[in-house]
Amino acid sequence: MYKLVFFVPESHKELVKEAIFNAGAGQFDGYEFCSWETLGTGQFRPLSGSQPFIGESGKIEQVNEYRVETICTNDTIKAAVSALKLAHPYEEPAYQYWLVNQEDF
């Protein structure tokens, strides 16, 4: 199992969640579409040559974003990350995943 975490603006949260769930993320022991989320503030400054979804080059931008956490099996992690990248509005979405202790599952 993998834990998948990503950050997404509210405007696209449900779209990205739907994409990763359709790719197989969020399934565990008789349940599907499982996730946890919390609201926070993201900050970034687009550099010259970037194509920001929000903000403009050279200016620091702060935006309300959700941190969304879910799980993926070994067989679905690659598809879930691909789906996340395709559905996410940002040029470079912030995400991470890591292997979790499988003895717990």
Protein backbone atom coordinates (compact mmCIF):
# COMPACT_ATOMS: atom_id res chain seq x y z
CA MET A 1 0.00 0.00 0.00
CA TYR A 2 0.99 3.59 -0.65
CA LYS A 3 -0.13 6.80 1.00
CA LEU A 4 -0.81 9.50 -1.62
CA VAL A 5 -0.97 13.17 -0.57
CA PHE A 6 -1.60 16.14 -2.84
CA PHE A 7 -2.50 19.82 -2.62
CA VAL A 8 -5.24 21.30 -4.80
CA PRO A 9 -7.29 24.51 -4.96
CA GLU A 10 -10.92 24.14 -3.90
CA SER A 11 -12.12 24.84 -7.45
CA HIS A 12 -10.63 21.52 -8.64
CA LYS A 13 -10.67 19.37 -5.49
CA GLU A 14 -13.63 17.18 -6.39
CA LEU A 15 -12.49 16.82 -10.02
CA VAL A 16 -9.04 15.61 -8.99
CA LYS A 17 -10.46 13.29 -6.33
CA GLU A 18 -12.84 11.78 -8.88
CA ALA A 19 -9.94 11.21 -11.29
CA ILE A 20 -7.76 9.41 -8.75
CA PHE A 21 -10.66 7.36 -7.42
CA ASN A 22 -11.55 6.29 -10.97
CA ALA A 23 -7.90 5.19 -11.32
CA GLY A 24 -8.28 2.91 -8.28
CA ALA A 25 -7.13 5.08 -5.37
CA GLY A 26 -9.03 5.18 -2.09
CA GLN A 27 -10.12 1.54 -1.89
CA PHE A 28 -9.73 -0.44 1.31
CA ASP A 29 -11.43 -3.41 2.92
CA GLY A 30 -14.90 -3.11 1.42
CA TYR A 31 -14.86 0.69 1.01
CA GLU A 32 -14.06 3.01 -1.87
CA PHE A 33 -13.62 6.77 -2.43
CA CYS A 34 -11.79 6.94 0.94
CA SER A 35 -9.82 10.12 1.66
CA TRP A 36 -9.10 12.73 4.27
CA GLU A 37 -8.72 16.45 3.60
CA THR A 38 -7.99 19.70 5.35
CA LEU A 39 -7.88 23.34 4.23
CA GLY A 40 -4.68 25.37 4.40
CA THR A 41 -2.75 28.08 2.58
CA GLY A 42 -0.26 27.37 -0.17
CA GLN A 43 2.39 29.85 -1.28
CA PHE A 44 4.52 30.10 -4.41
CA ARG A 45 6.10 32.58 -6.80
CA PRO A 46 5.92 31.75 -10.50
CA LEU A 47 9.24 32.25 -12.25
CA SER A 48 9.81 33.63 -15.72
CA GLY A 49 8.68 31.16 -18.38
CA SER A 50 6.14 29.40 -16.16
CA GLN A 51 2.46 29.13 -17.02
CA PRO A 52 0.73 29.56 -13.63
CA PHE A 53 -2.94 28.65 -13.24
CA ILE A 54 -3.13 31.18 -10.40
CA GLY A 55 -0.90 34.23 -9.93
CA GLU A 56 1.57 35.97 -12.17
CA SER A 57 5.27 35.69 -12.86
CA GLY A 58 7.53 37.25 -10.24
CA LYS A 59 4.82 37.84 -7.61
CA ILE A 60 4.33 35.75 -4.48
CA GLU A 61 0.89 34.17 -4.49
CA GLN A 62 -1.01 32.72 -1.53
CA VAL A 63 -4.02 30.55 -2.22
CA ASN A 64 -6.43 28.42 -0.22
CA GLU A 65 -5.66 24.80 -1.02
CA TYR A 66 -6.77 21.45 0.30
CA ARG A 67 -4.37 18.76 1.43
CA VAL A 68 -5.97 15.48 0.35
CA GLU A 69 -4.73 12.10 1.59
CA THR A 70 -5.69 8.65 0.38
CA ILE A 71 -4.25 5.19 -0.12
CA CYS A 72 -3.38 3.18 -3.22
CA THR A 73 -2.40 -0.40 -3.79
CA ASN A 74 0.88 -1.30 -5.46
CA ASP A 75 -1.13 -1.93 -8.63
CA THR A 76 -2.90 1.46 -8.68
CA ILE A 77 -0.33 4.04 -7.50
CA LYS A 78 1.08 4.82 -10.97
CA ALA A 79 -2.37 5.19 -12.53
CA ALA A 80 -3.54 7.38 -9.63
CA VAL A 81 -0.53 9.72 -9.94
CA SER A 82 -1.03 9.95 -13.71
CA ALA A 83 -4.72 10.76 -13.21
CA LEU A 84 -3.83 13.38 -10.58
CA LYS A 85 -1.41 15.12 -12.98
CA LEU A 86 -3.94 15.11 -15.83
CA ALA A 87 -6.85 16.45 -13.75
CA HIS A 88 -4.91 18.98 -11.66
CA PRO A 89 -5.02 22.59 -12.87
CA TYR A 90 -1.45 23.48 -11.82
CA GLU A 91 1.46 23.27 -14.23
CA GLU A 92 3.42 21.44 -11.51
CA PRO A 93 1.07 19.95 -8.89
CA ALA A 94 2.50 19.33 -5.43
CA TYR A 95 2.11 15.69 -4.43
CA GLN A 96 4.00 12.92 -2.70
CA TYR A 97 3.57 9.24 -2.07
CA TRP A 98 5.34 6.68 0.05
CA LEU A 99 5.11 3.02 0.89
CA VAL A 100 3.32 2.30 4.16
CA ASN A 101 3.82 -0.71 6.40
CA GLN A 102 1.93 -3.50 4.69
CA GLU A 103 1.83 -5.59 7.86
CA ASP A 104 -0.89 -3.21 9.05
CA PHE A 105 -3.16 -4.11 6.13
